[in-house]
Full PDB file with SEQRES, HELIX, SHEET, SSBOND, CRYST1, ORIGX, SCALE, CONECT and MASTER records, all heavy atoms in Angstrom:
SEQRES   1 A   41  ASP GLN GLY VAL LYS LEU PRO THR LEU CYS HIS LEU ASP          
SEQRES   2 A   41  GLY LEU SER THR ARG GLY GLY CYS ARG LEU CYS LEU VAL          
SEQRES   3 A   41  GLU ILE GLY GLY SER PRO ARG LEU LEU PRO ALA CYS THR          
SEQRES   4 A   41  THR GLU                                                      
SHEET    1 AA1 2 LEU A  25  VAL A  26  0                                        
SHEET    2 AA1 2 LEU A  35  PRO A  36 -1                                        
CRYST1    1.000    1.000    1.000  90.00  90.00  90.00 P 1           1          
ORIGX1      1.000000  0.000000  0.000000        0.00000                         
ORIGX2      0.000000  1.000000  0.000000        0.00000                         
ORIGX3      0.000000  0.000000  1.000000        0.00000                         
SCALE1      1.000000  0.000000  0.000000        0.00000                         
SCALE2      0.000000  1.000000  0.000000        0.00000                         
SCALE3      0.000000  0.000000  1.000000        0.00000                         
ATOM      1  N   ASP A   1     174.058   7.936   3.476  1.00  0.00           N  
ATOM      2  CA  ASP A   1     173.655   8.868   4.584  1.00  0.00           C  
ATOM      3  C   ASP A   1     173.225   8.095   5.770  1.00  0.00           C  
ATOM      4  O   ASP A   1     173.256   8.636   6.921  1.00  0.00           O  
ATOM      5  CB  ASP A   1     172.695   9.893   4.101  1.00  0.00           C  
ATOM      6  CG  ASP A   1     173.229  10.878   3.145  1.00  0.00           C  
ATOM      7  OD1 ASP A   1     174.498  11.074   3.152  1.00  0.00           O  
ATOM      8  OD2 ASP A   1     172.492  11.651   2.584  1.00  0.00           O  
ATOM      9  N   GLN A   2     172.701   6.911   5.573  1.00  0.00           N  
ATOM     10  CA  GLN A   2     172.317   6.046   6.690  1.00  0.00           C  
ATOM     11  C   GLN A   2     173.361   5.166   7.247  1.00  0.00           C  
ATOM     12  O   GLN A   2     173.079   4.358   8.049  1.00  0.00           O  
ATOM     13  CB  GLN A   2     171.063   5.209   6.205  1.00  0.00           C  
ATOM     14  CG  GLN A   2     169.967   5.908   5.565  1.00  0.00           C  
ATOM     15  CD  GLN A   2     169.297   6.881   6.729  1.00  0.00           C  
ATOM     16  OE1 GLN A   2     169.216   6.447   7.858  1.00  0.00           O  
ATOM     17  NE2 GLN A   2     168.893   8.031   6.255  1.00  0.00           N  
ATOM     18  N   GLY A   3     174.545   5.377   6.724  1.00  0.00           N  
ATOM     19  CA  GLY A   3     175.727   4.572   7.301  1.00  0.00           C  
ATOM     20  C   GLY A   3     175.913   3.168   6.806  1.00  0.00           C  
ATOM     21  O   GLY A   3     176.723   2.382   7.302  1.00  0.00           O  
ATOM     22  N   VAL A   4     175.180   2.846   5.664  1.00  0.00           N  
ATOM     23  CA  VAL A   4     175.308   1.596   4.992  1.00  0.00           C  
ATOM     24  C   VAL A   4     176.363   1.751   3.904  1.00  0.00           C  
ATOM     25  O   VAL A   4     176.296   2.568   3.042  1.00  0.00           O  
ATOM     26  CB  VAL A   4     173.878   1.193   4.419  1.00  0.00           C  
ATOM     27  CG1 VAL A   4     174.149  -0.209   3.708  1.00  0.00           C  
ATOM     28  CG2 VAL A   4     172.831   1.044   5.451  1.00  0.00           C  
ATOM     29  N   LYS A   5     177.190   0.755   3.946  1.00  0.00           N  
ATOM     30  CA  LYS A   5     178.413   0.779   3.013  1.00  0.00           C  
ATOM     31  C   LYS A   5     177.956   0.037   1.709  1.00  0.00           C  
ATOM     32  O   LYS A   5     177.585  -1.030   1.771  1.00  0.00           O  
ATOM     33  CB  LYS A   5     179.696   0.124   3.603  1.00  0.00           C  
ATOM     34  CG  LYS A   5     180.862   0.311   2.755  1.00  0.00           C  
ATOM     35  CD  LYS A   5     182.123  -0.202   3.504  1.00  0.00           C  
ATOM     36  CE  LYS A   5     183.426  -0.070   2.625  1.00  0.00           C  
ATOM     37  NZ  LYS A   5     184.589  -0.534   3.330  1.00  0.00           N  
ATOM     38  N   LEU A   6     178.267   0.690   0.632  1.00  0.00           N  
ATOM     39  CA  LEU A   6     178.013   0.122  -0.709  1.00  0.00           C  
ATOM     40  C   LEU A   6     179.281   0.109  -1.537  1.00  0.00           C  
ATOM     41  O   LEU A   6     179.952   1.183  -1.405  1.00  0.00           O  
ATOM     42  CB  LEU A   6     176.898   0.801  -1.481  1.00  0.00           C  
ATOM     43  CG  LEU A   6     175.414   0.382  -1.292  1.00  0.00           C  
ATOM     44  CD1 LEU A   6     174.545   1.116  -2.316  1.00  0.00           C  
ATOM     45  CD2 LEU A   6     175.234  -1.078  -1.436  1.00  0.00           C  
ATOM     46  N   PRO A   7     179.737  -1.017  -2.101  1.00  0.00           N  
ATOM     47  CA  PRO A   7     180.945  -0.980  -2.856  1.00  0.00           C  
ATOM     48  C   PRO A   7     180.825  -0.217  -4.169  1.00  0.00           C  
ATOM     49  O   PRO A   7     179.707  -0.265  -4.864  1.00  0.00           O  
ATOM     50  CB  PRO A   7     181.325  -2.480  -3.194  1.00  0.00           C  
ATOM     51  CG  PRO A   7     179.936  -3.108  -3.107  1.00  0.00           C  
ATOM     52  CD  PRO A   7     179.084  -2.283  -2.061  1.00  0.00           C  
ATOM     53  N   THR A   8     181.838   0.550  -4.642  1.00  0.00           N  
ATOM     54  CA  THR A   8     181.828   1.284  -5.771  1.00  0.00           C  
ATOM     55  C   THR A   8     183.410   1.348  -6.433  1.00  0.00           C  
ATOM     56  O   THR A   8     184.316   1.299  -5.570  1.00  0.00           O  
ATOM     57  CB  THR A   8     181.379   2.685  -5.830  1.00  0.00           C  
ATOM     58  OG1 THR A   8     182.122   3.345  -4.762  1.00  0.00           O  
ATOM     59  CG2 THR A   8     179.876   2.744  -5.327  1.00  0.00           C  
ATOM     60  N   LEU A   9     183.506   1.433  -7.677  1.00  0.00           N  
ATOM     61  CA  LEU A   9     184.762   1.632  -8.221  1.00  0.00           C  
ATOM     62  C   LEU A   9     184.830   2.794  -9.154  1.00  0.00           C  
ATOM     63  O   LEU A   9     185.729   3.657  -9.167  1.00  0.00           O  
ATOM     64  CB  LEU A   9     185.265   0.323  -8.938  1.00  0.00           C  
ATOM     65  CG  LEU A   9     185.852  -0.710  -8.173  1.00  0.00           C  
ATOM     66  CD1 LEU A   9     186.151  -2.009  -9.009  1.00  0.00           C  
ATOM     67  CD2 LEU A   9     187.134  -0.213  -7.392  1.00  0.00           C  
ATOM     68  N   CYS A  10     183.752   2.915  -9.987  1.00  0.00           N  
ATOM     69  CA  CYS A  10     183.691   4.011 -11.010  1.00  0.00           C  
ATOM     70  C   CYS A  10     183.234   5.300 -10.268  1.00  0.00           C  
ATOM     71  O   CYS A  10     183.672   6.490 -10.722  1.00  0.00           O  
ATOM     72  CB  CYS A  10     182.849   3.792 -12.270  1.00  0.00           C  
ATOM     73  SG  CYS A  10     181.146   3.528 -11.807  1.00  0.00           S  
ATOM     74  N   HIS A  11     182.470   5.200  -9.201  1.00  0.00           N  
ATOM     75  CA  HIS A  11     181.930   6.460  -8.614  1.00  0.00           C  
ATOM     76  C   HIS A  11     182.925   6.993  -7.560  1.00  0.00           C  
ATOM     77  O   HIS A  11     183.739   6.366  -6.961  1.00  0.00           O  
ATOM     78  CB  HIS A  11     180.645   5.991  -7.765  1.00  0.00           C  
ATOM     79  CG  HIS A  11     180.059   7.312  -6.973  1.00  0.00           C  
ATOM     80  ND1 HIS A  11     179.203   8.057  -7.604  1.00  0.00           N  
ATOM     81  CD2 HIS A  11     180.192   7.651  -5.788  1.00  0.00           C  
ATOM     82  CE1 HIS A  11     178.832   8.925  -6.836  1.00  0.00           C  
ATOM     83  NE2 HIS A  11     179.374   8.747  -5.704  1.00  0.00           N  
ATOM     84  N   LEU A  12     182.946   8.312  -7.657  1.00  0.00           N  
ATOM     85  CA  LEU A  12     183.688   9.166  -6.762  1.00  0.00           C  
ATOM     86  C   LEU A  12     183.005  10.595  -6.584  1.00  0.00           C  
ATOM     87  O   LEU A  12     182.653  11.191  -7.396  1.00  0.00           O  
ATOM     88  CB  LEU A  12     185.032   9.411  -7.198  1.00  0.00           C  
ATOM     89  CG  LEU A  12     186.229   9.785  -6.296  1.00  0.00           C  
ATOM     90  CD1 LEU A  12     186.532   8.598  -5.307  1.00  0.00           C  
ATOM     91  CD2 LEU A  12     187.549  10.023  -7.155  1.00  0.00           C  
ATOM     92  N   ASP A  13     182.758  10.766  -5.250  1.00  0.00           N  
ATOM     93  CA  ASP A  13     182.049  12.134  -4.917  1.00  0.00           C  
ATOM     94  C   ASP A  13     182.955  13.320  -5.491  1.00  0.00           C  
ATOM     95  O   ASP A  13     184.154  13.416  -5.347  1.00  0.00           O  
ATOM     96  CB  ASP A  13     182.031  12.338  -3.390  1.00  0.00           C  
ATOM     97  CG  ASP A  13     181.029  11.326  -2.752  1.00  0.00           C  
ATOM     98  OD1 ASP A  13     180.189  10.801  -3.520  1.00  0.00           O  
ATOM     99  OD2 ASP A  13     181.106  11.136  -1.454  1.00  0.00           O  
ATOM    100  N   GLY A  14     182.076  14.184  -6.220  1.00  0.00           N  
ATOM    101  CA  GLY A  14     182.844  15.205  -6.810  1.00  0.00           C  
ATOM    102  C   GLY A  14     182.930  15.144  -8.185  1.00  0.00           C  
ATOM    103  O   GLY A  14     183.238  16.164  -9.057  1.00  0.00           O  
ATOM    104  N   LEU A  15     182.768  13.872  -8.885  1.00  0.00           N  
ATOM    105  CA  LEU A  15     182.740  13.614 -10.278  1.00  0.00           C  
ATOM    106  C   LEU A  15     181.371  13.268 -10.746  1.00  0.00           C  
ATOM    107  O   LEU A  15     180.459  12.864  -9.888  1.00  0.00           O  
ATOM    108  CB  LEU A  15     183.728  12.523 -10.656  1.00  0.00           C  
ATOM    109  CG  LEU A  15     185.204  12.758 -10.252  1.00  0.00           C  
ATOM    110  CD1 LEU A  15     185.937  11.619 -10.709  1.00  0.00           C  
ATOM    111  CD2 LEU A  15     185.662  14.000 -10.917  1.00  0.00           C  
ATOM    112  N   SER A  16     181.144  13.486 -12.072  1.00  0.00           N  
ATOM    113  CA  SER A  16     179.724  13.038 -12.593  1.00  0.00           C  
ATOM    114  C   SER A  16     179.471  11.501 -12.367  1.00  0.00           C  
ATOM    115  O   SER A  16     180.475  10.841 -12.286  1.00  0.00           O  
ATOM    116  CB  SER A  16     179.700  13.458 -13.952  1.00  0.00           C  
ATOM    117  OG  SER A  16     180.654  12.768 -14.703  1.00  0.00           O  
ATOM    118  N   THR A  17     178.330  11.107 -12.357  1.00  0.00           N  
ATOM    119  CA  THR A  17     177.993   9.763 -12.221  1.00  0.00           C  
ATOM    120  C   THR A  17     178.080   8.969 -13.525  1.00  0.00           C  
ATOM    121  O   THR A  17     177.590   9.403 -14.583  1.00  0.00           O  
ATOM    122  CB  THR A  17     176.604   9.507 -11.570  1.00  0.00           C  
ATOM    123  OG1 THR A  17     176.569  10.224 -10.307  1.00  0.00           O  
ATOM    124  CG2 THR A  17     176.194   8.141 -11.383  1.00  0.00           C  
ATOM    125  N   ARG A  18     178.612   7.757 -13.386  1.00  0.00           N  
ATOM    126  CA  ARG A  18     178.867   6.995 -14.680  1.00  0.00           C  
ATOM    127  C   ARG A  18     177.974   5.755 -14.638  1.00  0.00           C  
ATOM    128  O   ARG A  18     177.493   5.226 -15.619  1.00  0.00           O  
ATOM    129  CB  ARG A  18     180.268   6.663 -14.955  1.00  0.00           C  
ATOM    130  CG  ARG A  18     180.507   5.828 -16.218  1.00  0.00           C  
ATOM    131  CD  ARG A  18     181.850   5.790 -16.633  1.00  0.00           C  
ATOM    132  NE  ARG A  18     182.079   4.926 -17.869  1.00  0.00           N  
ATOM    133  CZ  ARG A  18     182.469   3.682 -17.882  1.00  0.00           C  
ATOM    134  NH1 ARG A  18     182.679   3.076 -16.649  1.00  0.00           N  
ATOM    135  NH2 ARG A  18     182.563   2.927 -18.979  1.00  0.00           N  
ATOM    136  N   GLY A  19     178.007   4.969 -13.573  1.00  0.00           N  
ATOM    137  CA  GLY A  19     177.158   3.749 -13.423  1.00  0.00           C  
ATOM    138  C   GLY A  19     177.857   2.507 -14.217  1.00  0.00           C  
ATOM    139  O   GLY A  19     177.177   1.766 -14.676  1.00  0.00           O  
ATOM    140  N   GLY A  20     179.244   2.600 -14.393  1.00  0.00           N  
ATOM    141  CA  GLY A  20     179.855   1.592 -15.150  1.00  0.00           C  
ATOM    142  C   GLY A  20     180.242   0.315 -14.512  1.00  0.00           C  
ATOM    143  O   GLY A  20     180.200  -0.824 -14.987  1.00  0.00           O  
ATOM    144  N   CYS A  21     180.651   0.430 -13.188  1.00  0.00           N  
ATOM    145  CA  CYS A  21     181.250  -0.830 -12.529  1.00  0.00           C  
ATOM    146  C   CYS A  21     180.123  -1.754 -12.112  1.00  0.00           C  
ATOM    147  O   CYS A  21     180.411  -2.984 -11.915  1.00  0.00           O  
ATOM    148  CB  CYS A  21     182.075  -0.365 -11.337  1.00  0.00           C  
ATOM    149  SG  CYS A  21     181.303   0.229  -9.959  1.00  0.00           S  
ATOM    150  N   ARG A  22     179.008  -1.246 -11.786  1.00  0.00           N  
ATOM    151  CA  ARG A  22     177.859  -1.900 -11.364  1.00  0.00           C  
ATOM    152  C   ARG A  22     178.001  -2.697 -10.088  1.00  0.00           C  
ATOM    153  O   ARG A  22     177.114  -3.470  -9.678  1.00  0.00           O  
ATOM    154  CB  ARG A  22     177.405  -3.058 -12.524  1.00  0.00           C  
ATOM    155  CG  ARG A  22     177.483  -2.649 -13.805  1.00  0.00           C  
ATOM    156  CD  ARG A  22     176.606  -1.404 -14.117  1.00  0.00           C  
ATOM    157  NE  ARG A  22     175.166  -1.732 -14.414  1.00  0.00           N  
ATOM    158  CZ  ARG A  22     174.388  -0.696 -14.781  1.00  0.00           C  
ATOM    159  NH1 ARG A  22     174.811   0.508 -14.944  1.00  0.00           N  
ATOM    160  NH2 ARG A  22     173.065  -1.053 -15.093  1.00  0.00           N  
ATOM    161  N   LEU A  23     178.933  -2.266  -9.315  1.00  0.00           N  
ATOM    162  CA  LEU A  23     179.111  -2.900  -7.962  1.00  0.00           C  
ATOM    163  C   LEU A  23     178.108  -2.459  -6.884  1.00  0.00           C  
ATOM    164  O   LEU A  23     177.870  -2.956  -5.841  1.00  0.00           O  
ATOM    165  CB  LEU A  23     180.550  -2.655  -7.461  1.00  0.00           C  
ATOM    166  CG  LEU A  23     181.647  -3.536  -8.099  1.00  0.00           C  
ATOM    167  CD1 LEU A  23     182.926  -3.005  -7.765  1.00  0.00           C  
ATOM    168  CD2 LEU A  23     181.305  -4.927  -7.758  1.00  0.00           C  
ATOM    169  N   CYS A  24     177.471  -1.342  -7.116  1.00  0.00           N  
ATOM    170  CA  CYS A  24     176.507  -0.674  -6.145  1.00  0.00           C  
ATOM    171  C   CYS A  24     174.955  -1.251  -6.564  1.00  0.00           C  
ATOM    172  O   CYS A  24     174.128  -0.550  -6.097  1.00  0.00           O  
ATOM    173  CB  CYS A  24     176.537   0.801  -6.173  1.00  0.00           C  
ATOM    174  SG  CYS A  24     176.085   1.677  -7.684  1.00  0.00           S  
ATOM    175  N   LEU A  25     175.003  -2.320  -7.165  1.00  0.00           N  
ATOM    176  CA  LEU A  25     173.650  -2.907  -7.483  1.00  0.00           C  
ATOM    177  C   LEU A  25     172.820  -3.140  -6.239  1.00  0.00           C  
ATOM    178  O   LEU A  25     173.366  -3.611  -5.186  1.00  0.00           O  
ATOM    179  CB  LEU A  25     173.729  -4.176  -8.234  1.00  0.00           C  
ATOM    180  CG  LEU A  25     174.138  -4.128  -9.763  1.00  0.00           C  
ATOM    181  CD1 LEU A  25     174.532  -5.484 -10.261  1.00  0.00           C  
ATOM    182  CD2 LEU A  25     173.192  -3.386 -10.671  1.00  0.00           C  
ATOM    183  N   VAL A  26     171.467  -2.684  -6.320  1.00  0.00           N  
ATOM    184  CA  VAL A  26     170.668  -3.033  -5.184  1.00  0.00           C  
ATOM    185  C   VAL A  26     169.361  -3.571  -5.703  1.00  0.00           C  
ATOM    186  O   VAL A  26     169.018  -3.535  -6.872  1.00  0.00           O  
ATOM    187  CB  VAL A  26     170.338  -1.679  -4.401  1.00  0.00           C  
ATOM    188  CG1 VAL A  26     171.563  -1.182  -3.678  1.00  0.00           C  
ATOM    189  CG2 VAL A  26     169.804  -0.650  -5.216  1.00  0.00           C  
ATOM    190  N   GLU A  27     168.579  -4.200  -4.787  1.00  0.00           N  
ATOM    191  CA  GLU A  27     167.322  -4.744  -5.037  1.00  0.00           C  
ATOM    192  C   GLU A  27     166.231  -3.855  -4.670  1.00  0.00           C  
ATOM    193  O   GLU A  27     166.170  -3.304  -3.618  1.00  0.00           O  
ATOM    194  CB  GLU A  27     167.072  -6.044  -4.394  1.00  0.00           C  
ATOM    195  CG  GLU A  27     166.129  -6.975  -4.966  1.00  0.00           C  
ATOM    196  CD  GLU A  27     166.078  -8.292  -4.197  1.00  0.00           C  
ATOM    197  OE1 GLU A  27     165.551  -8.508  -3.094  1.00  0.00           O  
ATOM    198  OE2 GLU A  27     166.632  -9.260  -4.748  1.00  0.00           O  
ATOM    199  N   ILE A  28     165.260  -3.447  -5.765  1.00  0.00           N  
ATOM    200  CA  ILE A  28     164.285  -2.467  -5.412  1.00  0.00           C  
ATOM    201  C   ILE A  28     162.987  -3.146  -5.736  1.00  0.00           C  
ATOM    202  O   ILE A  28     162.700  -3.776  -6.674  1.00  0.00           O  
ATOM    203  CB  ILE A  28     164.517  -1.272  -6.332  1.00  0.00           C  
ATOM    204  CG1 ILE A  28     165.749  -0.565  -6.058  1.00  0.00           C  
ATOM    205  CG2 ILE A  28     163.283  -0.305  -6.225  1.00  0.00           C  
ATOM    206  CD1 ILE A  28     166.044   0.572  -7.023  1.00  0.00           C  
ATOM    207  N   GLY A  29     162.076  -2.931  -4.729  1.00  0.00           N  
ATOM    208  CA  GLY A  29     160.730  -3.567  -4.729  1.00  0.00           C  
ATOM    209  C   GLY A  29     160.039  -3.158  -6.074  1.00  0.00           C  
ATOM    210  O   GLY A  29     159.938  -1.949  -6.439  1.00  0.00           O  
ATOM    211  N   GLY A  30     159.566  -4.123  -6.756  1.00  0.00           N  
ATOM    212  CA  GLY A  30     158.739  -3.932  -8.023  1.00  0.00           C  
ATOM    213  C   GLY A  30     159.654  -3.835  -9.282  1.00  0.00           C  
ATOM    214  O   GLY A  30     159.074  -3.910 -10.479  1.00  0.00           O  
ATOM    215  N   SER A  31     160.899  -3.890  -9.155  1.00  0.00           N  
ATOM    216  CA  SER A  31     161.803  -3.922 -10.236  1.00  0.00           C  
ATOM    217  C   SER A  31     162.269  -5.382 -10.540  1.00  0.00           C  
ATOM    218  O   SER A  31     162.702  -6.174  -9.532  1.00  0.00           O  
ATOM    219  CB  SER A  31     163.029  -3.095 -10.045  1.00  0.00           C  
ATOM    220  OG  SER A  31     163.911  -3.333 -11.103  1.00  0.00           O  
ATOM    221  N   PRO A  32     162.150  -5.931 -11.804  1.00  0.00           N  
ATOM    222  CA  PRO A  32     162.452  -7.270 -12.162  1.00  0.00           C  
ATOM    223  C   PRO A  32     164.002  -7.531 -12.094  1.00  0.00           C  
ATOM    224  O   PRO A  32     164.529  -8.741 -12.188  1.00  0.00           O  
ATOM    225  CB  PRO A  32     161.999  -7.551 -13.447  1.00  0.00           C  
ATOM    226  CG  PRO A  32     161.957  -6.212 -14.070  1.00  0.00           C  
ATOM    227  CD  PRO A  32     161.670  -5.149 -12.860  1.00  0.00           C  
ATOM    228  N   ARG A  33     164.833  -6.411 -12.014  1.00  0.00           N  
ATOM    229  CA  ARG A  33     166.249  -6.658 -12.138  1.00  0.00           C  
ATOM    230  C   ARG A  33     167.023  -5.745 -11.084  1.00  0.00           C  
ATOM    231  O   ARG A  33     166.366  -4.772 -10.602  1.00  0.00           O  
ATOM    232  CB  ARG A  33     166.769  -6.243 -13.623  1.00  0.00           C  
ATOM    233  CG  ARG A  33     166.356  -4.789 -13.936  1.00  0.00           C  
ATOM    234  CD  ARG A  33     166.771  -4.638 -15.458  1.00  0.00           C  
ATOM    235  NE  ARG A  33     166.169  -3.425 -15.982  1.00  0.00           N  
ATOM    236  CZ  ARG A  33     166.923  -2.338 -15.989  1.00  0.00           C  
ATOM    237  NH1 ARG A  33     168.139  -2.366 -15.588  1.00  0.00           N  
ATOM    238  NH2 ARG A  33     166.385  -1.194 -16.509  1.00  0.00           N  
ATOM    239  N   LEU A  34     168.198  -6.116 -10.800  1.00  0.00           N  
ATOM    240  CA  LEU A  34     169.005  -5.260  -9.895  1.00  0.00           C  
ATOM    241  C   LEU A  34     169.366  -3.989 -10.616  1.00  0.00           C  
ATOM    242  O   LEU A  34     169.543  -3.874 -11.744  1.00  0.00           O  
ATOM    243  CB  LEU A  34     170.225  -6.031  -9.457  1.00  0.00           C  
ATOM    244  CG  LEU A  34     170.030  -7.327  -8.778  1.00  0.00           C  
ATOM    245  CD1 LEU A  34     171.346  -7.912  -8.380  1.00  0.00           C  
ATOM    246  CD2 LEU A  34     169.188  -7.186  -7.446  1.00  0.00           C  
ATOM    247  N   LEU A  35     169.405  -2.824  -9.796  1.00  0.00           N  
ATOM    248  CA  LEU A  35     169.645  -1.454 -10.331  1.00  0.00           C  
ATOM    249  C   LEU A  35     170.880  -0.925  -9.633  1.00  0.00           C  
ATOM    250  O   LEU A  35     171.100  -1.086  -8.510  1.00  0.00           O  
ATOM    251  CB  LEU A  35     168.530  -0.598 -10.210  1.00  0.00           C  
ATOM    252  CG  LEU A  35     167.233  -1.041 -10.931  1.00  0.00           C  
ATOM    253  CD1 LEU A  35     165.965  -0.012 -10.605  1.00  0.00           C  
ATOM    254  CD2 LEU A  35     167.481  -1.064 -12.447  1.00  0.00           C  
ATOM    255  N   PRO A  36     171.780  -0.102 -10.451  1.00  0.00           N  
ATOM    256  CA  PRO A  36     172.805   0.521  -9.720  1.00  0.00           C  
ATOM    257  C   PRO A  36     172.306   1.749  -8.991  1.00  0.00           C  
ATOM    258  O   PRO A  36     171.660   2.636  -9.333  1.00  0.00           O  
ATOM    259  CB  PRO A  36     173.667   1.033 -11.033  1.00  0.00           C  
ATOM    260  CG  PRO A  36     172.651   1.236 -12.146  1.00  0.00           C  
ATOM    261  CD  PRO A  36     171.548   0.054 -11.913  1.00  0.00           C  
ATOM    262  N   ALA A  37     172.713   1.818  -7.635  1.00  0.00           N  
ATOM    263  CA  ALA A  37     172.291   2.856  -6.745  1.00  0.00           C  
ATOM    264  C   ALA A  37     172.684   4.188  -7.064  1.00  0.00           C  
ATOM    265  O   ALA A  37     172.049   5.223  -6.893  1.00  0.00           O  
ATOM    266  CB  ALA A  37     172.682   2.574  -5.417  1.00  0.00           C  
ATOM    267  N   CYS A  38     173.947   4.322  -7.945  1.00  0.00           N  
ATOM    268  CA  CYS A  38     174.390   5.592  -8.178  1.00  0.00           C  
ATOM    269  C   CYS A  38     173.783   6.358  -9.184  1.00  0.00           C  
ATOM    270  O   CYS A  38     173.681   7.618  -9.242  1.00  0.00           O  
ATOM    271  CB  CYS A  38     175.951   5.503  -8.532  1.00  0.00           C  
ATOM    272  SG  CYS A  38     176.217   4.507 -10.099  1.00  0.00           S  
ATOM    273  N   THR A  39     173.038   5.759  -9.981  1.00  0.00           N  
ATOM    274  CA  THR A  39     172.258   6.209 -11.136  1.00  0.00           C  
ATOM    275  C   THR A  39     170.735   6.233 -10.971  1.00  0.00           C  
ATOM    276  O   THR A  39     170.036   6.563 -11.845  1.00  0.00           O  
ATOM    277  CB  THR A  39     172.614   5.655 -12.525  1.00  0.00           C  
ATOM    278  OG1 THR A  39     172.381   4.209 -12.629  1.00  0.00           O  
ATOM    279  CG2 THR A  39     174.125   5.918 -12.882  1.00  0.00           C  
ATOM    280  N   THR A  40     170.357   5.681  -9.841  1.00  0.00           N  
ATOM    281  CA  THR A  40     168.913   5.549  -9.432  1.00  0.00           C  
ATOM    282  C   THR A  40     168.537   6.624  -8.543  1.00  0.00           C  
ATOM    283  O   THR A  40     169.071   6.759  -7.574  1.00  0.00           O  
ATOM    284  CB  THR A  40     168.562   4.180  -8.926  1.00  0.00           C  
ATOM    285  OG1 THR A  40     169.020   3.214  -9.961  1.00  0.00           O  
ATOM    286  CG2 THR A  40     167.126   3.979  -8.679  1.00  0.00           C  
ATOM    287  N   GLU A  41     167.461   7.518  -8.872  1.00  0.00           N  
ATOM    288  CA  GLU A  41     167.032   8.421  -7.956  1.00  0.00           C  
ATOM    289  C   GLU A  41     166.204   7.826  -6.755  1.00  0.00           C  
ATOM    290  O   GLU A  41     165.369   6.959  -7.007  1.00  0.00           O  
ATOM    291  CB  GLU A  41     166.244   9.523  -8.691  1.00  0.00           C  
ATOM    292  CG  GLU A  41     165.843  10.669  -7.815  1.00  0.00           C  
ATOM    293  CD  GLU A  41     165.031  11.733  -8.510  1.00  0.00           C  
ATOM    294  OE1 GLU A  41     165.097  11.697  -9.871  1.00  0.00           O  
ATOM    295  OE2 GLU A  41     164.332  12.532  -7.919  1.00  0.00           O  
TER     296      GLU A  41                                                      
MASTER        0    0    0    0    2    0    0    6  295    1    0    4          
END                                                                             
């Protein structure tokens, strides 16, 4: 929504979220590991 492009392969708008390809990994403050943006609220 902020115009930032994130790569995905398993995700597609209109389908349930799977979080399988892991290409949308992002760094979140306080987390010791990268997390998939599609399955993270």
